[in-house]
Amino acid sequence: MGIAAAKAGFDVVMAPKEFTYLDFYQSADSSAEPLAIHGHLPLETVYAFEPIAPALTAVEVARILGVQGQIWTEYLPTPALVEYMTFPRACALAEVAWSAPSRRDYSGFLERLRPHLVRLDLAGVKYRNPWR
């Protein structure tokens, strides 16, 4: 839908559910996760998101203003659960938004993520450990 909107001349914030709905389960084993609306969106899939489609012209690419992650909270009654569902996937989405595709590397991202998780620990953020 975002691609069609950019082709039609509209400014777009790319937010396809397959890559940006942070209220989806992070693990394929949903029994190990907080209740979610549906779907499965692991960290690696968020990182694989490419918001700029090759089919777009330079003028259409200029219409892509950025990306957005969504987290609907009807199944997440506490701030800790919202944090758990958001992080570290929001970190992956941020790197997608700020990095050229040629500079993205999932293994490198995981290494860069380690010190960031220490900062989240110090801030008391309840995130999902990506190595479990």
N, C-alpha and C. Protein backbone atom coordinates (compact mmCIF):
# COMPACT_ATOMS: atom_id res chain seq x y z
N MET A 1 0.81 -1.18 0.00
CA MET A 1 0.00 0.00 0.00
C MET A 1 0.87 1.26 0.00
N GLY A 2 1.97 1.27 0.75
CA GLY A 2 2.86 2.42 0.77
C GLY A 2 3.48 2.69 -0.58
N ILE A 3 3.86 1.62 -1.27
CA ILE A 3 4.45 1.78 -2.60
C ILE A 3 3.43 2.40 -3.55
N ALA A 4 2.20 1.92 -3.52
CA ALA A 4 1.15 2.46 -4.37
C ALA A 4 0.91 3.94 -4.05
N ALA A 5 0.93 4.28 -2.77
CA ALA A 5 0.72 5.68 -2.38
C ALA A 5 1.85 6.56 -2.89
N ALA A 6 3.10 6.10 -2.76
CA ALA A 6 4.23 6.88 -3.27
C ALA A 6 4.14 7.05 -4.78
N LYS A 7 3.75 5.99 -5.49
CA LYS A 7 3.59 6.07 -6.95
C LYS A 7 2.46 7.03 -7.33
N ALA A 8 1.47 7.17 -6.46
CA ALA A 8 0.35 8.08 -6.72
C ALA A 8 0.68 9.52 -6.32
N GLY A 9 1.89 9.76 -5.80
CA GLY A 9 2.30 11.11 -5.48
C GLY A 9 2.10 11.54 -4.04
N PHE A 10 1.81 10.60 -3.15
CA PHE A 10 1.60 10.93 -1.74
C PHE A 10 2.88 10.69 -0.94
N ASP A 11 3.08 11.48 0.09
CA ASP A 11 4.16 11.21 1.05
C ASP A 11 3.75 10.00 1.88
N VAL A 12 4.74 9.18 2.23
CA VAL A 12 4.46 7.89 2.86
C VAL A 12 5.40 7.62 4.03
N VAL A 13 4.85 7.07 5.08
CA VAL A 13 5.63 6.46 6.16
C VAL A 13 5.38 4.97 6.03
N MET A 14 6.43 4.22 5.75
CA MET A 14 6.29 2.79 5.49
C MET A 14 6.09 2.04 6.81
N ALA A 15 5.01 1.24 6.86
CA ALA A 15 4.66 0.51 8.08
C ALA A 15 3.91 -0.78 7.77
N PRO A 16 4.45 -1.64 6.91
CA PRO A 16 3.74 -2.88 6.59
C PRO A 16 3.74 -3.84 7.78
N LYS A 17 2.61 -4.47 7.98
CA LYS A 17 2.46 -5.34 9.16
C LYS A 17 3.46 -6.48 9.17
N GLU A 18 3.89 -6.96 8.03
CA GLU A 18 4.81 -8.09 7.97
C GLU A 18 6.17 -7.78 8.58
N PHE A 19 6.49 -6.49 8.76
CA PHE A 19 7.80 -6.09 9.27
C PHE A 19 7.74 -5.15 10.47
N THR A 20 6.60 -4.52 10.74
CA THR A 20 6.61 -3.43 11.70
C THR A 20 5.57 -3.53 12.81
N TYR A 21 4.78 -4.58 12.86
CA TYR A 21 3.79 -4.70 13.92
C TYR A 21 4.43 -5.39 15.12
N LEU A 22 4.86 -4.58 16.06
CA LEU A 22 5.62 -5.07 17.20
C LEU A 22 4.75 -5.77 18.24
N ASP A 23 3.44 -5.77 18.03
CA ASP A 23 2.57 -6.51 18.95
C ASP A 23 2.36 -7.95 18.50
N PHE A 24 3.06 -8.38 17.45
CA PHE A 24 3.04 -9.79 17.04
C PHE A 24 4.03 -10.56 17.92
N TYR A 25 3.84 -11.87 17.99
CA TYR A 25 4.75 -12.72 18.77
C TYR A 25 6.18 -12.61 18.23
N GLN A 26 7.13 -12.64 19.14
CA GLN A 26 8.54 -12.61 18.73
C GLN A 26 9.09 -14.01 18.48
N SER A 27 8.52 -14.98 19.12
CA SER A 27 8.97 -16.36 19.02
C SER A 27 7.95 -17.19 18.25
N ALA A 28 8.42 -18.18 17.54
CA ALA A 28 7.50 -19.10 16.86
C ALA A 28 6.71 -19.92 17.88
N ASP A 29 7.25 -20.05 19.08
CA ASP A 29 6.56 -20.74 20.17
C ASP A 29 5.79 -19.71 20.98
N SER A 30 4.57 -19.45 20.59
CA SER A 30 3.79 -18.39 21.25
C SER A 30 3.50 -18.70 22.71
N SER A 31 3.61 -19.97 23.11
CA SER A 31 3.36 -20.29 24.52
C SER A 31 4.44 -19.71 25.43
N ALA A 32 5.58 -19.34 24.86
CA ALA A 32 6.67 -18.76 25.64
C ALA A 32 6.63 -17.23 25.64
N GLU A 33 5.60 -16.66 25.03
CA GLU A 33 5.51 -15.22 24.86
C GLU A 33 4.29 -14.65 25.57
N PRO A 34 4.31 -13.34 25.87
CA PRO A 34 3.08 -12.71 26.36
C PRO A 34 2.00 -12.80 25.29
N LEU A 35 0.76 -12.77 25.71
CA LEU A 35 -0.35 -12.82 24.77
C LEU A 35 -0.22 -11.70 23.74
N ALA A 36 -0.39 -12.06 22.48
CA ALA A 36 -0.31 -11.09 21.39
C ALA A 36 -1.54 -11.25 20.51
N ILE A 37 -1.76 -10.26 19.67
CA ILE A 37 -2.96 -10.28 18.84
C ILE A 37 -2.92 -11.44 17.85
N HIS A 38 -1.83 -11.64 17.18
CA HIS A 38 -1.60 -12.76 16.26
C HIS A 38 -0.28 -12.51 15.55
N GLY A 39 0.08 -13.39 14.67
CA GLY A 39 1.27 -13.19 13.86
C GLY A 39 2.55 -13.51 14.59
N HIS A 40 3.60 -13.61 13.79
CA HIS A 40 4.94 -13.93 14.29
C HIS A 40 5.89 -12.97 13.60
N LEU A 41 6.61 -12.19 14.37
CA LEU A 41 7.55 -11.22 13.82
C LEU A 41 8.86 -11.25 14.60
N PRO A 42 9.77 -12.14 14.20
CA PRO A 42 11.05 -12.21 14.90
C PRO A 42 11.96 -11.01 14.56
N LEU A 43 12.94 -10.81 15.40
CA LEU A 43 13.89 -9.71 15.24
C LEU A 43 14.52 -9.70 13.85
N GLU A 44 14.92 -10.85 13.38
CA GLU A 44 15.59 -10.93 12.07
C GLU A 44 14.68 -10.46 10.94
N THR A 45 13.39 -10.72 11.04
CA THR A 45 12.45 -10.27 10.01
C THR A 45 12.31 -8.75 10.02
N VAL A 46 12.26 -8.16 11.22
CA VAL A 46 12.21 -6.69 11.30
C VAL A 46 13.45 -6.12 10.63
N TYR A 47 14.60 -6.69 10.93
CA TYR A 47 15.86 -6.19 10.36
C TYR A 47 15.92 -6.37 8.84
N ALA A 48 15.21 -7.34 8.32
CA ALA A 48 15.22 -7.61 6.87
C ALA A 48 14.32 -6.65 6.08
N PHE A 49 13.55 -5.83 6.76
CA PHE A 49 12.64 -4.90 6.10
C PHE A 49 13.42 -3.93 5.22
N GLU A 50 12.97 -3.77 3.99
CA GLU A 50 13.54 -2.79 3.07
C GLU A 50 12.44 -1.81 2.68
N PRO A 51 12.43 -0.63 3.26
CA PRO A 51 11.34 0.32 3.01
C PRO A 51 11.36 0.95 1.62
N ILE A 52 12.48 0.93 0.94
CA ILE A 52 12.57 1.53 -0.38
C ILE A 52 12.53 0.42 -1.43
N ALA A 53 11.39 0.30 -2.10
CA ALA A 53 11.21 -0.75 -3.11
C ALA A 53 11.99 -0.40 -4.38
N PRO A 54 12.62 -1.39 -5.00
CA PRO A 54 13.38 -1.13 -6.22
C PRO A 54 12.50 -0.61 -7.37
N ALA A 55 11.21 -0.86 -7.31
CA ALA A 55 10.30 -0.44 -8.37
C ALA A 55 10.02 1.06 -8.36
N LEU A 56 10.48 1.77 -7.33
CA LEU A 56 10.19 3.20 -7.23
C LEU A 56 11.22 4.04 -7.99
N THR A 57 10.74 5.11 -8.59
CA THR A 57 11.64 6.07 -9.24
C THR A 57 12.25 6.97 -8.18
N ALA A 58 13.24 7.77 -8.56
CA ALA A 58 13.87 8.69 -7.62
C ALA A 58 12.85 9.67 -7.04
N VAL A 59 11.93 10.14 -7.84
CA VAL A 59 10.89 11.06 -7.36
C VAL A 59 10.00 10.36 -6.35
N GLU A 60 9.64 9.11 -6.62
CA GLU A 60 8.80 8.34 -5.71
C GLU A 60 9.54 8.00 -4.42
N VAL A 61 10.82 7.68 -4.52
CA VAL A 61 11.63 7.39 -3.33
C VAL A 61 11.65 8.61 -2.41
N ALA A 62 11.69 9.80 -2.98
CA ALA A 62 11.68 11.03 -2.17
C ALA A 62 10.39 11.18 -1.38
N ARG A 63 9.35 10.46 -1.78
CA ARG A 63 8.07 10.50 -1.06
C ARG A 63 8.08 9.62 0.19
N ILE A 64 9.06 8.73 0.32
CA ILE A 64 9.17 7.86 1.50
C ILE A 64 9.80 8.69 2.61
N LEU A 65 9.01 9.07 3.58
CA LEU A 65 9.47 9.93 4.67
C LEU A 65 10.18 9.17 5.77
N GLY A 66 9.88 7.88 5.90
CA GLY A 66 10.50 7.08 6.94
C GLY A 66 9.73 5.81 7.19
N VAL A 67 9.98 5.22 8.34
CA VAL A 67 9.32 3.98 8.75
C VAL A 67 8.67 4.19 10.10
N GLN A 68 7.78 3.29 10.44
CA GLN A 68 7.08 3.37 11.72
C GLN A 68 6.82 1.97 12.24
N GLY A 69 7.03 1.78 13.52
CA GLY A 69 6.65 0.53 14.17
C GLY A 69 5.36 0.74 14.94
N GLN A 70 4.51 -0.24 14.91
CA GLN A 70 3.22 -0.17 15.61
C GLN A 70 3.21 -1.15 16.77
N ILE A 71 2.59 -0.72 17.85
CA ILE A 71 2.36 -1.65 18.96
C ILE A 71 1.00 -1.31 19.55
N TRP A 72 0.07 -2.20 19.30
CA TRP A 72 -1.29 -2.05 19.82
C TRP A 72 -1.32 -2.72 21.19
N THR A 73 -1.95 -2.08 22.15
CA THR A 73 -1.80 -2.53 23.53
C THR A 73 -3.03 -3.19 24.14
N GLU A 74 -4.00 -3.56 23.34
CA GLU A 74 -5.19 -4.18 23.93
C GLU A 74 -4.88 -5.51 24.62
N TYR A 75 -3.77 -6.18 24.24
CA TYR A 75 -3.37 -7.42 24.90
C TYR A 75 -2.18 -7.21 25.84
N LEU A 76 -1.74 -5.98 25.99
CA LEU A 76 -0.55 -5.68 26.77
C LEU A 76 -0.91 -4.71 27.89
N PRO A 77 -1.37 -5.21 29.02
CA PRO A 77 -1.92 -4.34 30.05
C PRO A 77 -0.90 -3.61 30.93
N THR A 78 0.38 -3.91 30.77
CA THR A 78 1.37 -3.26 31.63
C THR A 78 2.49 -2.65 30.79
N PRO A 79 3.13 -1.62 31.32
CA PRO A 79 4.28 -1.05 30.61
C PRO A 79 5.39 -2.07 30.37
N ALA A 80 5.60 -2.98 31.30
CA ALA A 80 6.65 -3.99 31.14
C ALA A 80 6.37 -4.88 29.93
N LEU A 81 5.11 -5.24 29.71
CA LEU A 81 4.78 -6.06 28.54
C LEU A 81 4.95 -5.27 27.24
N VAL A 82 4.62 -4.01 27.27
CA VAL A 82 4.83 -3.17 26.08
C VAL A 82 6.33 -3.08 25.77
N GLU A 83 7.14 -2.89 26.79
CA GLU A 83 8.59 -2.85 26.59
C GLU A 83 9.10 -4.17 26.02
N TYR A 84 8.64 -5.27 26.59
CA TYR A 84 9.08 -6.59 26.13
C TYR A 84 8.76 -6.79 24.65
N MET A 85 7.59 -6.37 24.24
CA MET A 85 7.20 -6.56 22.84
C MET A 85 7.91 -5.58 21.91
N THR A 86 8.31 -4.44 22.44
CA THR A 86 8.94 -3.40 21.62
C THR A 86 10.43 -3.64 21.40
N PHE A 87 11.13 -4.02 22.45
CA PHE A 87 12.59 -4.12 22.37
C PHE A 87 13.06 -5.55 22.35
N PRO A 88 14.04 -5.88 21.55
CA PRO A 88 14.91 -5.01 20.76
C PRO A 88 14.44 -4.79 19.31
N ARG A 89 13.21 -5.17 18.99
CA ARG A 89 12.77 -4.99 17.59
C ARG A 89 12.77 -3.53 17.17
N ALA A 90 12.47 -2.61 18.08
CA ALA A 90 12.53 -1.19 17.73
C ALA A 90 13.95 -0.77 17.36
N CYS A 91 14.94 -1.41 17.98
CA CYS A 91 16.34 -1.13 17.65
C CYS A 91 16.63 -1.57 16.21
N ALA A 92 16.12 -2.72 15.84
CA ALA A 92 16.31 -3.21 14.46
C ALA A 92 15.64 -2.28 13.47
N LEU A 93 14.43 -1.86 13.77
CA LEU A 93 13.70 -0.96 12.87
C LEU A 93 14.42 0.38 12.74
N ALA A 94 14.98 0.88 13.82
CA ALA A 94 15.73 2.13 13.77
C ALA A 94 16.94 1.99 12.84
N GLU A 95 17.65 0.89 12.93
CA GLU A 95 18.80 0.71 12.05
C GLU A 95 18.37 0.60 10.59
N VAL A 96 17.26 -0.06 10.34
CA VAL A 96 16.72 -0.12 8.97
C VAL A 96 16.43 1.28 8.46
N ALA A 97 15.84 2.12 9.31
CA ALA A 97 15.47 3.47 8.90
C ALA A 97 16.69 4.35 8.64
N TRP A 98 17.74 4.15 9.40
CA TRP A 98 18.88 5.06 9.36
C TRP A 98 20.06 4.57 8.52
N SER A 99 20.02 3.34 8.04
CA SER A 99 21.17 2.76 7.34
C SER A 99 20.84 2.42 5.90
N ALA A 100 21.78 2.66 5.04
CA ALA A 100 21.63 2.24 3.64
C ALA A 100 21.63 0.72 3.58
N PRO A 101 20.87 0.14 2.67
CA PRO A 101 20.83 -1.33 2.58
C PRO A 101 22.22 -1.96 2.47
N SER A 102 23.14 -1.32 1.77
CA SER A 102 24.48 -1.88 1.59
C SER A 102 25.28 -1.91 2.89
N ARG A 103 24.86 -1.15 3.89
CA ARG A 103 25.57 -1.10 5.17
C ARG A 103 24.93 -1.97 6.23
N ARG A 104 23.82 -2.63 5.89
CA ARG A 104 23.12 -3.45 6.87
C ARG A 104 23.65 -4.88 6.87
N ASP A 105 23.84 -5.38 8.06
CA ASP A 105 24.34 -6.74 8.24
C ASP A 105 23.78 -7.25 9.56
N TYR A 106 22.96 -8.29 9.51
CA TYR A 106 22.28 -8.75 10.72
C TYR A 106 23.26 -9.21 11.80
N SER A 107 24.29 -9.93 11.43
CA SER A 107 25.29 -10.37 12.43
C SER A 107 25.95 -9.18 13.09
N GLY A 108 26.30 -8.18 12.28
CA GLY A 108 26.89 -6.97 12.83
C GLY A 108 25.92 -6.22 13.73
N PHE A 109 24.66 -6.21 13.33
CA PHE A 109 23.63 -5.58 14.16
C PHE A 109 23.57 -6.24 15.53
N LEU A 110 23.59 -7.57 15.55
CA LEU A 110 23.53 -8.27 16.84
C LEU A 110 24.70 -7.90 17.73
N GLU A 111 25.88 -7.73 17.15
CA GLU A 111 27.04 -7.32 17.95
C GLU A 111 26.87 -5.89 18.45
N ARG A 112 26.35 -5.00 17.60
CA ARG A 112 26.12 -3.62 18.03
C ARG A 112 25.00 -3.54 19.07
N LEU A 113 24.11 -4.51 19.05
CA LEU A 113 22.98 -4.52 19.97
C LEU A 113 23.42 -4.83 21.41
N ARG A 114 24.46 -5.64 21.56
CA ARG A 114 24.88 -6.06 22.91
C ARG A 114 25.09 -4.88 23.86
N PRO A 115 25.89 -3.88 23.51
CA PRO A 115 26.06 -2.75 24.45
C PRO A 115 24.79 -1.93 24.63
N HIS A 116 23.94 -1.91 23.62
CA HIS A 116 22.68 -1.19 23.76
C HIS A 116 21.78 -1.89 24.79
N LEU A 117 21.80 -3.20 24.79
CA LEU A 117 20.99 -3.94 25.78
C LEU A 117 21.47 -3.66 27.20
N VAL A 118 22.77 -3.44 27.35
CA VAL A 118 23.29 -3.05 28.67
C VAL A 118 22.67 -1.72 29.09
N ARG A 119 22.57 -0.78 28.14
CA ARG A 119 21.92 0.51 28.45
C ARG A 119 20.45 0.30 28.81
N LEU A 120 19.77 -0.60 28.09
CA LEU A 120 18.37 -0.88 28.42
C LEU A 120 18.26 -1.49 29.81
N ASP A 121 19.20 -2.38 30.16
CA ASP A 121 19.23 -2.96 31.51
C ASP A 121 19.36 -1.85 32.56
N LEU A 122 20.28 -0.94 32.34
CA LEU A 122 20.50 0.15 33.29
C LEU A 122 19.28 1.05 33.42
N ALA A 123 18.52 1.15 32.35
CA ALA A 123 17.30 1.97 32.36
C ALA A 123 16.10 1.21 32.91
N GLY A 124 16.28 -0.09 33.18
CA GLY A 124 15.19 -0.90 33.72
C GLY A 124 14.17 -1.33 32.68
N VAL A 125 14.54 -1.31 31.41
CA VAL A 125 13.63 -1.71 30.34
C VAL A 125 13.53 -3.23 30.31
N LYS A 126 12.32 -3.73 30.21
CA LYS A 126 12.06 -5.18 30.18
C LYS A 126 11.98 -5.62 28.71
N TYR A 127 13.08 -6.03 28.13
CA TYR A 127 13.13 -6.41 26.72
C TYR A 127 13.23 -7.94 26.58
N ARG A 128 13.03 -8.39 25.37
CA ARG A 128 13.19 -9.82 25.07
C ARG A 128 14.65 -10.09 24.70
N ASN A 129 15.25 -11.05 25.34
CA ASN A 129 16.62 -11.43 25.04
C ASN A 129 16.64 -12.10 23.66
N PRO A 130 17.35 -11.52 22.69
CA PRO A 130 17.33 -12.08 21.34
C PRO A 130 18.12 -13.38 21.18
N TRP A 131 18.87 -13.77 22.20
CA TRP A 131 19.67 -14.99 22.11
C TRP A 131 19.05 -16.17 22.81
N ARG A 132 17.79 -16.07 23.16
CA ARG A 132 17.17 -17.24 23.79
C ARG A 132 16.17 -17.86 22.86
